[in-house]
Each structure stands twice: as C-alpha cells, then as structure tokens.
Amino acid sequence: CKTHRESVESLNKQITEREAALREFGMGLKEAEGVLSEGLRNLSSSSTEHATSVELDVDEVLRYAHTISYTTEAQEGWEPHVPMIG
C-alpha cells in the first residue's frame, strides 16, 4: 500500500530527526559537564591557595556561644523538630 509506505517513511523521518536532536542535546550536556568540571577544578585549586589556617581557643568559642544563647530567642511559633520554613 502506498499510504502505508508513506506513513512508514514519515515515521522513519521523524525518528531520524529526533535521534539527531538527542545526539545534539547529548553533546551539549557533555560540553556543559566539561565546563562545570573545569570550574570546580579551578575553584578547588584557588580555594586551597588562599586558605589560611586559623587557631581557635575552645574556651573563647564556648563563652561566645553562651553569650549569644542568652541574647537570642526562637521565632514565635517555633516548635522543636519542626523544619523552619521561610
């Protein structure tokens, strides 16, 4: 049948076009992956170059924690173990 053959040809053309679009999309994803990987490598290497070591006095940190714990309060309606939203 001529109509059947035309239908099959039309479907094959659609399949070919969609496969080409998927290949192009896949190549774009690979390119994006490369850009992101390079960015992460650059960030990782630059953060280690600029990192400085800081020594903290544990007693001083605890004193500060006690100080702020007495000067702050929970929001109105706060309930333990309930996620804070907003």
Protein backbone atom coordinates (compact mmCIF):
# COMPACT_ATOMS: atom_id res chain seq x y z
CA CYS A 1 0.00 0.00 0.00
CA LYS A 2 1.22 3.44 -0.94
CA THR A 3 -0.29 5.17 2.10
CA HIS A 4 1.26 2.61 4.43
CA ARG A 5 4.69 3.11 2.85
CA GLU A 6 4.34 6.90 3.11
CA SER A 7 3.33 6.55 6.75
CA VAL A 8 6.36 4.37 7.48
CA GLU A 9 8.66 6.80 5.66
CA SER A 10 7.19 9.72 7.62
CA LEU A 11 7.75 7.87 10.89
CA ASN A 12 11.33 6.98 9.90
CA LYS A 13 11.98 10.65 9.09
CA GLN A 14 10.61 11.71 12.49
CA ILE A 15 12.75 9.10 14.23
CA THR A 16 15.86 10.30 12.40
CA GLU A 17 15.14 13.93 13.27
CA ARG A 18 14.54 13.12 16.94
CA GLU A 19 17.66 10.98 17.15
CA ALA A 20 19.68 13.86 15.69
CA ALA A 21 18.15 16.25 18.24
CA LEU A 22 19.00 13.81 21.06
CA ARG A 23 22.60 13.48 19.83
CA GLU A 24 22.92 17.27 19.72
CA PHE A 25 21.43 17.55 23.20
CA GLY A 26 23.83 14.86 24.46
CA MET A 27 26.81 16.72 23.01
CA GLY A 28 25.60 19.90 24.74
CA LEU A 29 25.39 18.01 28.03
CA LYS A 30 28.93 16.68 27.59
CA GLU A 31 30.17 20.20 26.87
CA ALA A 32 28.37 21.54 29.96
CA GLU A 33 29.85 18.75 32.05
CA GLY A 34 33.33 19.73 30.88
CA VAL A 35 32.75 23.40 31.68
CA LEU A 36 31.41 22.58 35.15
CA SER A 37 34.26 20.15 35.87
CA GLU A 38 36.83 22.75 34.84
CA GLY A 39 35.12 25.35 37.02
CA LEU A 40 35.13 23.02 40.01
CA ARG A 41 38.80 22.21 39.48
CA ASN A 42 39.63 25.92 39.28
CA LEU A 43 37.59 26.67 42.39
CA SER A 44 39.17 23.79 44.27
CA SER A 45 42.71 24.82 43.40
CA SER A 46 42.13 28.51 44.08
CA SER A 47 40.45 27.89 47.44
CA THR A 48 43.37 25.82 48.67
CA GLU A 49 45.83 28.52 47.55
CA HIS A 50 44.04 31.24 49.51
CA ALA A 51 43.08 29.17 52.54
CA THR A 52 44.65 30.18 55.81
CA SER A 53 44.87 28.23 58.99
CA VAL A 54 43.15 29.75 62.00
CA GLU A 55 43.64 28.62 65.56
CA LEU A 56 40.62 28.92 67.82
CA ASP A 57 40.56 28.95 71.58
CA VAL A 58 37.85 26.45 72.56
CA ASP A 59 37.08 28.28 75.79
CA GLU A 60 36.57 31.54 73.89
CA VAL A 61 34.20 29.84 71.44
CA LEU A 62 32.21 28.36 74.31
CA ARG A 63 32.00 31.74 76.09
CA TYR A 64 30.73 33.32 72.87
CA ALA A 65 28.19 30.52 72.40
CA HIS A 66 26.88 31.07 75.94
CA THR A 67 26.71 34.82 75.38
CA ILE A 68 24.64 34.59 72.23
CA SER A 69 22.44 31.85 73.62
CA TYR A 70 21.29 34.23 76.34
CA THR A 71 20.65 37.09 73.91
CA THR A 72 18.71 35.30 71.19
CA GLU A 73 15.34 33.67 71.16
CA ALA A 74 13.37 31.44 68.86
CA GLN A 75 10.79 32.83 66.48
CA GLU A 76 7.22 33.00 67.62
CA GLY A 77 5.53 29.65 66.97
CA TRP A 78 8.81 27.71 66.98
CA GLU A 79 8.46 24.04 67.79
CA PRO A 80 11.33 21.59 68.29
CA HIS A 81 11.94 19.10 65.46
CA VAL A 82 9.75 21.07 63.03
CA PRO A 83 11.53 22.46 59.95
CA MET A 84 11.77 26.24 59.80
CA ILE A 85 10.29 27.48 56.53
CA GLY A 86 10.58 30.98 55.18
